[in-house]
Amino acid sequence: METLKEFKEERMKDPEFAREYEAIQPEMDVIRAIIDARISQNLTQKELSRRTGINQADISKLEKGTRNPTLGLLKRLADGLDMVLEIRFVPKKRV
C-alpha cells in the first residue's frame, strides 16, 4: 500500500501537477495556519465564532478552502485567537 507521501512524491514528477500544486500552496498554508491555531487552543469553530463575531459557517468555509479570507478577516481571527497576524514574503526556492 502506497503512503500519501509516496503518492505525492510520484505525482510531483509530473511538471503540470507540480505547477498546480505549488500554485495553491499559499492558500493551503493559510488554511493550515487557521486550523492549527484554533486546535492549539482547543477551540471549536463555534467557540472561535463567539470570540471573533465571524459566523461559524464562514469559519468552516475558510477551513475547507471554499472562501478566501480578506486581510481584515484574518486580523479578526488573530485577535480572537489572542495572536498576532504576521505576513511575510520569502524568497522562492530555486531548483
N, C-alpha and C. Protein backbone atom coordinates (compact mmCIF):
# COMPACT_ATOMS: atom_id res chain seq x y z
N MET A 1 0.83 -1.18 0.00
CA MET A 1 0.00 0.00 0.00
C MET A 1 0.88 1.25 0.00
N GLU A 2 0.54 2.19 -0.86
CA GLU A 2 1.30 3.42 -1.03
C GLU A 2 0.88 4.46 0.03
N THR A 3 1.86 5.15 0.61
CA THR A 3 1.55 6.19 1.57
C THR A 3 1.21 7.49 0.84
N LEU A 4 0.61 8.42 1.55
CA LEU A 4 0.30 9.71 0.96
C LEU A 4 1.57 10.42 0.50
N LYS A 5 2.61 10.33 1.32
CA LYS A 5 3.89 10.96 0.97
C LYS A 5 4.44 10.38 -0.33
N GLU A 6 4.39 9.06 -0.46
CA GLU A 6 4.88 8.41 -1.68
C GLU A 6 4.04 8.80 -2.88
N PHE A 7 2.73 8.88 -2.68
CA PHE A 7 1.82 9.28 -3.76
C PHE A 7 2.16 10.69 -4.24
N LYS A 8 2.35 11.60 -3.28
CA LYS A 8 2.67 12.98 -3.62
C LYS A 8 4.02 13.06 -4.36
N GLU A 9 5.01 12.36 -3.85
CA GLU A 9 6.33 12.37 -4.50
C GLU A 9 6.24 11.89 -5.94
N GLU A 10 5.44 10.87 -6.17
CA GLU A 10 5.27 10.35 -7.52
C GLU A 10 4.56 11.36 -8.42
N ARG A 11 3.50 11.96 -7.90
CA ARG A 11 2.74 12.94 -8.67
C ARG A 11 3.55 14.20 -8.97
N MET A 12 4.42 14.59 -8.04
CA MET A 12 5.22 15.80 -8.22
C MET A 12 6.23 15.66 -9.36
N LYS A 13 6.44 14.46 -9.85
CA LYS A 13 7.31 14.25 -11.01
C LYS A 13 6.66 14.77 -12.29
N ASP A 14 5.34 14.91 -12.26
CA ASP A 14 4.59 15.45 -13.40
C ASP A 14 4.66 16.98 -13.32
N PRO A 15 5.32 17.64 -14.28
CA PRO A 15 5.51 19.10 -14.21
C PRO A 15 4.20 19.88 -14.10
N GLU A 16 3.16 19.45 -14.79
CA GLU A 16 1.89 20.16 -14.72
C GLU A 16 1.27 20.04 -13.32
N PHE A 17 1.31 18.85 -12.75
CA PHE A 17 0.81 18.65 -11.39
C PHE A 17 1.60 19.50 -10.41
N ALA A 18 2.92 19.47 -10.54
CA ALA A 18 3.79 20.22 -9.63
C ALA A 18 3.50 21.71 -9.69
N ARG A 19 3.28 22.24 -10.90
CA ARG A 19 2.95 23.66 -11.06
C ARG A 19 1.64 24.00 -10.35
N GLU A 20 0.63 23.18 -10.56
CA GLU A 20 -0.67 23.42 -9.94
C GLU A 20 -0.59 23.28 -8.42
N TYR A 21 0.14 22.30 -7.96
CA TYR A 21 0.31 22.09 -6.52
C TYR A 21 0.97 23.30 -5.88
N GLU A 22 2.02 23.79 -6.50
CA GLU A 22 2.73 24.96 -5.97
C GLU A 22 1.86 26.22 -6.04
N ALA A 23 1.01 26.29 -7.06
CA ALA A 23 0.16 27.47 -7.21
C ALA A 23 -0.85 27.61 -6.08
N ILE A 24 -1.33 26.49 -5.54
CA ILE A 24 -2.33 26.57 -4.47
C ILE A 24 -1.70 26.53 -3.07
N GLN A 25 -0.40 26.38 -3.00
CA GLN A 25 0.26 26.23 -1.71
C GLN A 25 0.04 27.41 -0.76
N PRO A 26 0.08 28.67 -1.22
CA PRO A 26 -0.17 29.77 -0.27
C PRO A 26 -1.55 29.68 0.38
N GLU A 27 -2.58 29.34 -0.39
CA GLU A 27 -3.91 29.19 0.17
C GLU A 27 -3.95 28.05 1.18
N MET A 28 -3.28 26.96 0.85
CA MET A 28 -3.26 25.81 1.76
C MET A 28 -2.52 26.16 3.04
N ASP A 29 -1.48 26.97 2.95
CA ASP A 29 -0.73 27.40 4.14
C ASP A 29 -1.61 28.24 5.06
N VAL A 30 -2.42 29.12 4.49
CA VAL A 30 -3.32 29.95 5.30
C VAL A 30 -4.36 29.08 5.99
N ILE A 31 -4.94 28.15 5.24
CA ILE A 31 -5.94 27.25 5.82
C ILE A 31 -5.32 26.45 6.96
N ARG A 32 -4.15 25.88 6.73
CA ARG A 32 -3.48 25.08 7.77
C ARG A 32 -3.17 25.93 9.00
N ALA A 33 -2.76 27.18 8.79
CA ALA A 33 -2.44 28.06 9.92
C ALA A 33 -3.68 28.36 10.75
N ILE A 34 -4.81 28.60 10.09
CA ILE A 34 -6.07 28.87 10.81
C ILE A 34 -6.47 27.65 11.64
N ILE A 35 -6.47 26.50 11.02
CA ILE A 35 -6.87 25.27 11.71
C ILE A 35 -5.92 24.97 12.86
N ASP A 36 -4.62 25.04 12.60
CA ASP A 36 -3.63 24.74 13.65
C ASP A 36 -3.76 25.68 14.84
N ALA A 37 -3.97 26.98 14.56
CA ALA A 37 -4.10 27.95 15.65
C ALA A 37 -5.34 27.66 16.49
N ARG A 38 -6.44 27.36 15.83
CA ARG A 38 -7.69 27.05 16.55
C ARG A 38 -7.55 25.80 17.39
N ILE A 39 -6.99 24.76 16.81
CA ILE A 39 -6.83 23.49 17.51
C ILE A 39 -5.83 23.61 18.66
N SER A 40 -4.79 24.42 18.47
CA SER A 40 -3.78 24.58 19.53
C SER A 40 -4.39 25.16 20.79
N GLN A 41 -5.52 25.85 20.65
CA GLN A 41 -6.19 26.43 21.81
C GLN A 41 -7.43 25.62 22.21
N ASN A 42 -7.55 24.44 21.62
CA ASN A 42 -8.69 23.55 21.91
C ASN A 42 -10.03 24.25 21.72
N LEU A 43 -10.13 25.02 20.64
CA LEU A 43 -11.36 25.73 20.34
C LEU A 43 -12.13 25.03 19.24
N THR A 44 -13.44 25.03 19.37
CA THR A 44 -14.28 24.58 18.26
C THR A 44 -14.49 25.78 17.34
N GLN A 45 -15.01 25.52 16.16
CA GLN A 45 -15.33 26.62 15.26
C GLN A 45 -16.37 27.54 15.91
N LYS A 46 -17.30 26.96 16.62
CA LYS A 46 -18.35 27.74 17.29
C LYS A 46 -17.75 28.67 18.35
N GLU A 47 -16.80 28.16 19.12
CA GLU A 47 -16.15 28.98 20.14
C GLU A 47 -15.35 30.12 19.48
N LEU A 48 -14.66 29.81 18.40
CA LEU A 48 -13.91 30.84 17.69
C LEU A 48 -14.88 31.88 17.11
N SER A 49 -16.02 31.43 16.65
CA SER A 49 -17.05 32.32 16.14
C SER A 49 -17.49 33.31 17.22
N ARG A 50 -17.71 32.82 18.42
CA ARG A 50 -18.11 33.69 19.52
C ARG A 50 -17.03 34.73 19.83
N ARG A 51 -15.79 34.31 19.79
CA ARG A 51 -14.68 35.21 20.11
C ARG A 51 -14.47 36.29 19.05
N THR A 52 -14.77 35.97 17.80
CA THR A 52 -14.44 36.87 16.69
C THR A 52 -15.65 37.60 16.11
N GLY A 53 -16.83 37.07 16.35
CA GLY A 53 -18.02 37.63 15.71
C GLY A 53 -18.16 37.20 14.27
N ILE A 54 -17.32 36.25 13.85
CA ILE A 54 -17.40 35.69 12.50
C ILE A 54 -18.33 34.49 12.55
N ASN A 55 -19.27 34.44 11.66
CA ASN A 55 -20.23 33.33 11.62
C ASN A 55 -19.49 31.99 11.55
N GLN A 56 -19.95 31.01 12.31
CA GLN A 56 -19.32 29.69 12.33
C GLN A 56 -19.29 29.06 10.94
N ALA A 57 -20.34 29.27 10.17
CA ALA A 57 -20.38 28.73 8.81
C ALA A 57 -19.26 29.34 7.95
N ASP A 58 -18.96 30.61 8.18
CA ASP A 58 -17.87 31.26 7.43
C ASP A 58 -16.51 30.70 7.86
N ILE A 59 -16.35 30.42 9.15
CA ILE A 59 -15.10 29.81 9.61
C ILE A 59 -14.94 28.44 8.98
N SER A 60 -16.02 27.69 8.91
CA SER A 60 -15.99 26.38 8.25
C SER A 60 -15.59 26.51 6.79
N LYS A 61 -16.15 27.48 6.10
CA LYS A 61 -15.81 27.69 4.69
C LYS A 61 -14.34 28.06 4.52
N LEU A 62 -13.82 28.88 5.43
CA LEU A 62 -12.40 29.23 5.38
C LEU A 62 -11.54 27.98 5.53
N GLU A 63 -11.90 27.15 6.51
CA GLU A 63 -11.10 25.96 6.79
C GLU A 63 -11.22 24.90 5.68
N LYS A 64 -12.32 24.92 4.95
CA LYS A 64 -12.49 23.99 3.83
C LYS A 64 -11.86 24.51 2.55
N GLY A 65 -11.54 25.82 2.55
CA GLY A 65 -10.96 26.42 1.35
C GLY A 65 -11.98 26.86 0.33
N THR A 66 -13.25 26.96 0.74
CA THR A 66 -14.28 27.40 -0.19
C THR A 66 -14.56 28.90 -0.07
N ARG A 67 -13.85 29.56 0.82
CA ARG A 67 -13.94 31.02 0.95
C ARG A 67 -12.54 31.56 1.17
N ASN A 68 -12.21 32.62 0.44
CA ASN A 68 -10.91 33.27 0.61
C ASN A 68 -11.03 34.38 1.64
N PRO A 69 -10.16 34.40 2.63
CA PRO A 69 -10.25 35.42 3.66
C PRO A 69 -9.68 36.76 3.20
N THR A 70 -10.27 37.82 3.68
CA THR A 70 -9.70 39.15 3.47
C THR A 70 -8.67 39.37 4.56
N LEU A 71 -7.86 40.39 4.39
CA LEU A 71 -6.88 40.73 5.42
C LEU A 71 -7.60 41.10 6.72
N GLY A 72 -8.71 41.81 6.62
CA GLY A 72 -9.49 42.19 7.80
C GLY A 72 -10.01 40.97 8.55
N LEU A 73 -10.46 39.97 7.81
CA LEU A 73 -10.96 38.75 8.43
C LEU A 73 -9.83 38.00 9.13
N LEU A 74 -8.66 37.97 8.51
CA LEU A 74 -7.51 37.31 9.15
C LEU A 74 -7.12 38.04 10.43
N LYS A 75 -7.20 39.37 10.43
CA LYS A 75 -6.91 40.15 11.63
C LYS A 75 -7.89 39.82 12.74
N ARG A 76 -9.18 39.71 12.40
CA ARG A 76 -10.20 39.36 13.40
C ARG A 76 -9.94 37.97 13.97
N LEU A 77 -9.56 37.03 13.12
CA LEU A 77 -9.24 35.68 13.59
C LEU A 77 -8.04 35.73 14.54
N ALA A 78 -7.01 36.46 14.16
CA ALA A 78 -5.82 36.57 15.01
C ALA A 78 -6.19 37.16 16.37
N ASP A 79 -6.98 38.22 16.36
CA ASP A 79 -7.40 38.84 17.61
C ASP A 79 -8.19 37.85 18.46
N GLY A 80 -9.11 37.13 17.85
CA GLY A 80 -9.92 36.15 18.56
C GLY A 80 -9.10 35.01 19.14
N LEU A 81 -7.97 34.75 18.52
CA LEU A 81 -7.07 33.70 18.99
C LEU A 81 -5.98 34.25 19.92
N ASP A 82 -6.05 35.55 20.20
CA ASP A 82 -5.04 36.25 21.00
C ASP A 82 -3.65 36.04 20.40
N MET A 83 -3.60 36.23 19.09
CA MET A 83 -2.36 36.07 18.34
C MET A 83 -2.12 37.30 17.49
N VAL A 84 -0.93 37.38 16.95
CA VAL A 84 -0.56 38.46 16.04
C VAL A 84 -0.53 37.88 14.63
N LEU A 85 -1.15 38.57 13.70
CA LEU A 85 -1.09 38.16 12.31
C LEU A 85 0.23 38.62 11.72
N GLU A 86 0.97 37.69 11.15
CA GLU A 86 2.26 38.01 10.54
C GLU A 86 2.24 37.50 9.11
N ILE A 87 2.49 38.40 8.18
CA ILE A 87 2.55 38.04 6.76
C ILE A 87 3.95 38.35 6.28
N ARG A 88 4.57 37.38 5.59
CA ARG A 88 5.96 37.57 5.16
C ARG A 88 6.09 37.21 3.69
N PHE A 89 7.06 37.82 3.06
CA PHE A 89 7.47 37.42 1.73
C PHE A 89 8.79 36.68 1.89
N VAL A 90 8.86 35.49 1.33
CA VAL A 90 10.02 34.63 1.48
C VAL A 90 10.57 34.32 0.08
N PRO A 91 11.89 34.39 -0.08
CA PRO A 91 12.47 34.08 -1.41
C PRO A 91 12.05 32.68 -1.87
N LYS A 92 11.83 32.58 -3.16
CA LYS A 92 11.48 31.30 -3.76
C LYS A 92 12.67 30.36 -3.68
N LYS A 93 12.35 29.08 -3.56
CA LYS A 93 13.41 28.07 -3.59
C LYS A 93 13.75 27.81 -5.05
N ARG A 94 14.99 27.92 -5.38
CA ARG A 94 15.45 27.67 -6.76
C ARG A 94 16.00 26.26 -6.84
N VAL A 95 15.55 25.57 -7.85
CA VAL A 95 16.00 24.19 -8.03
C VAL A 95 16.89 24.08 -9.22
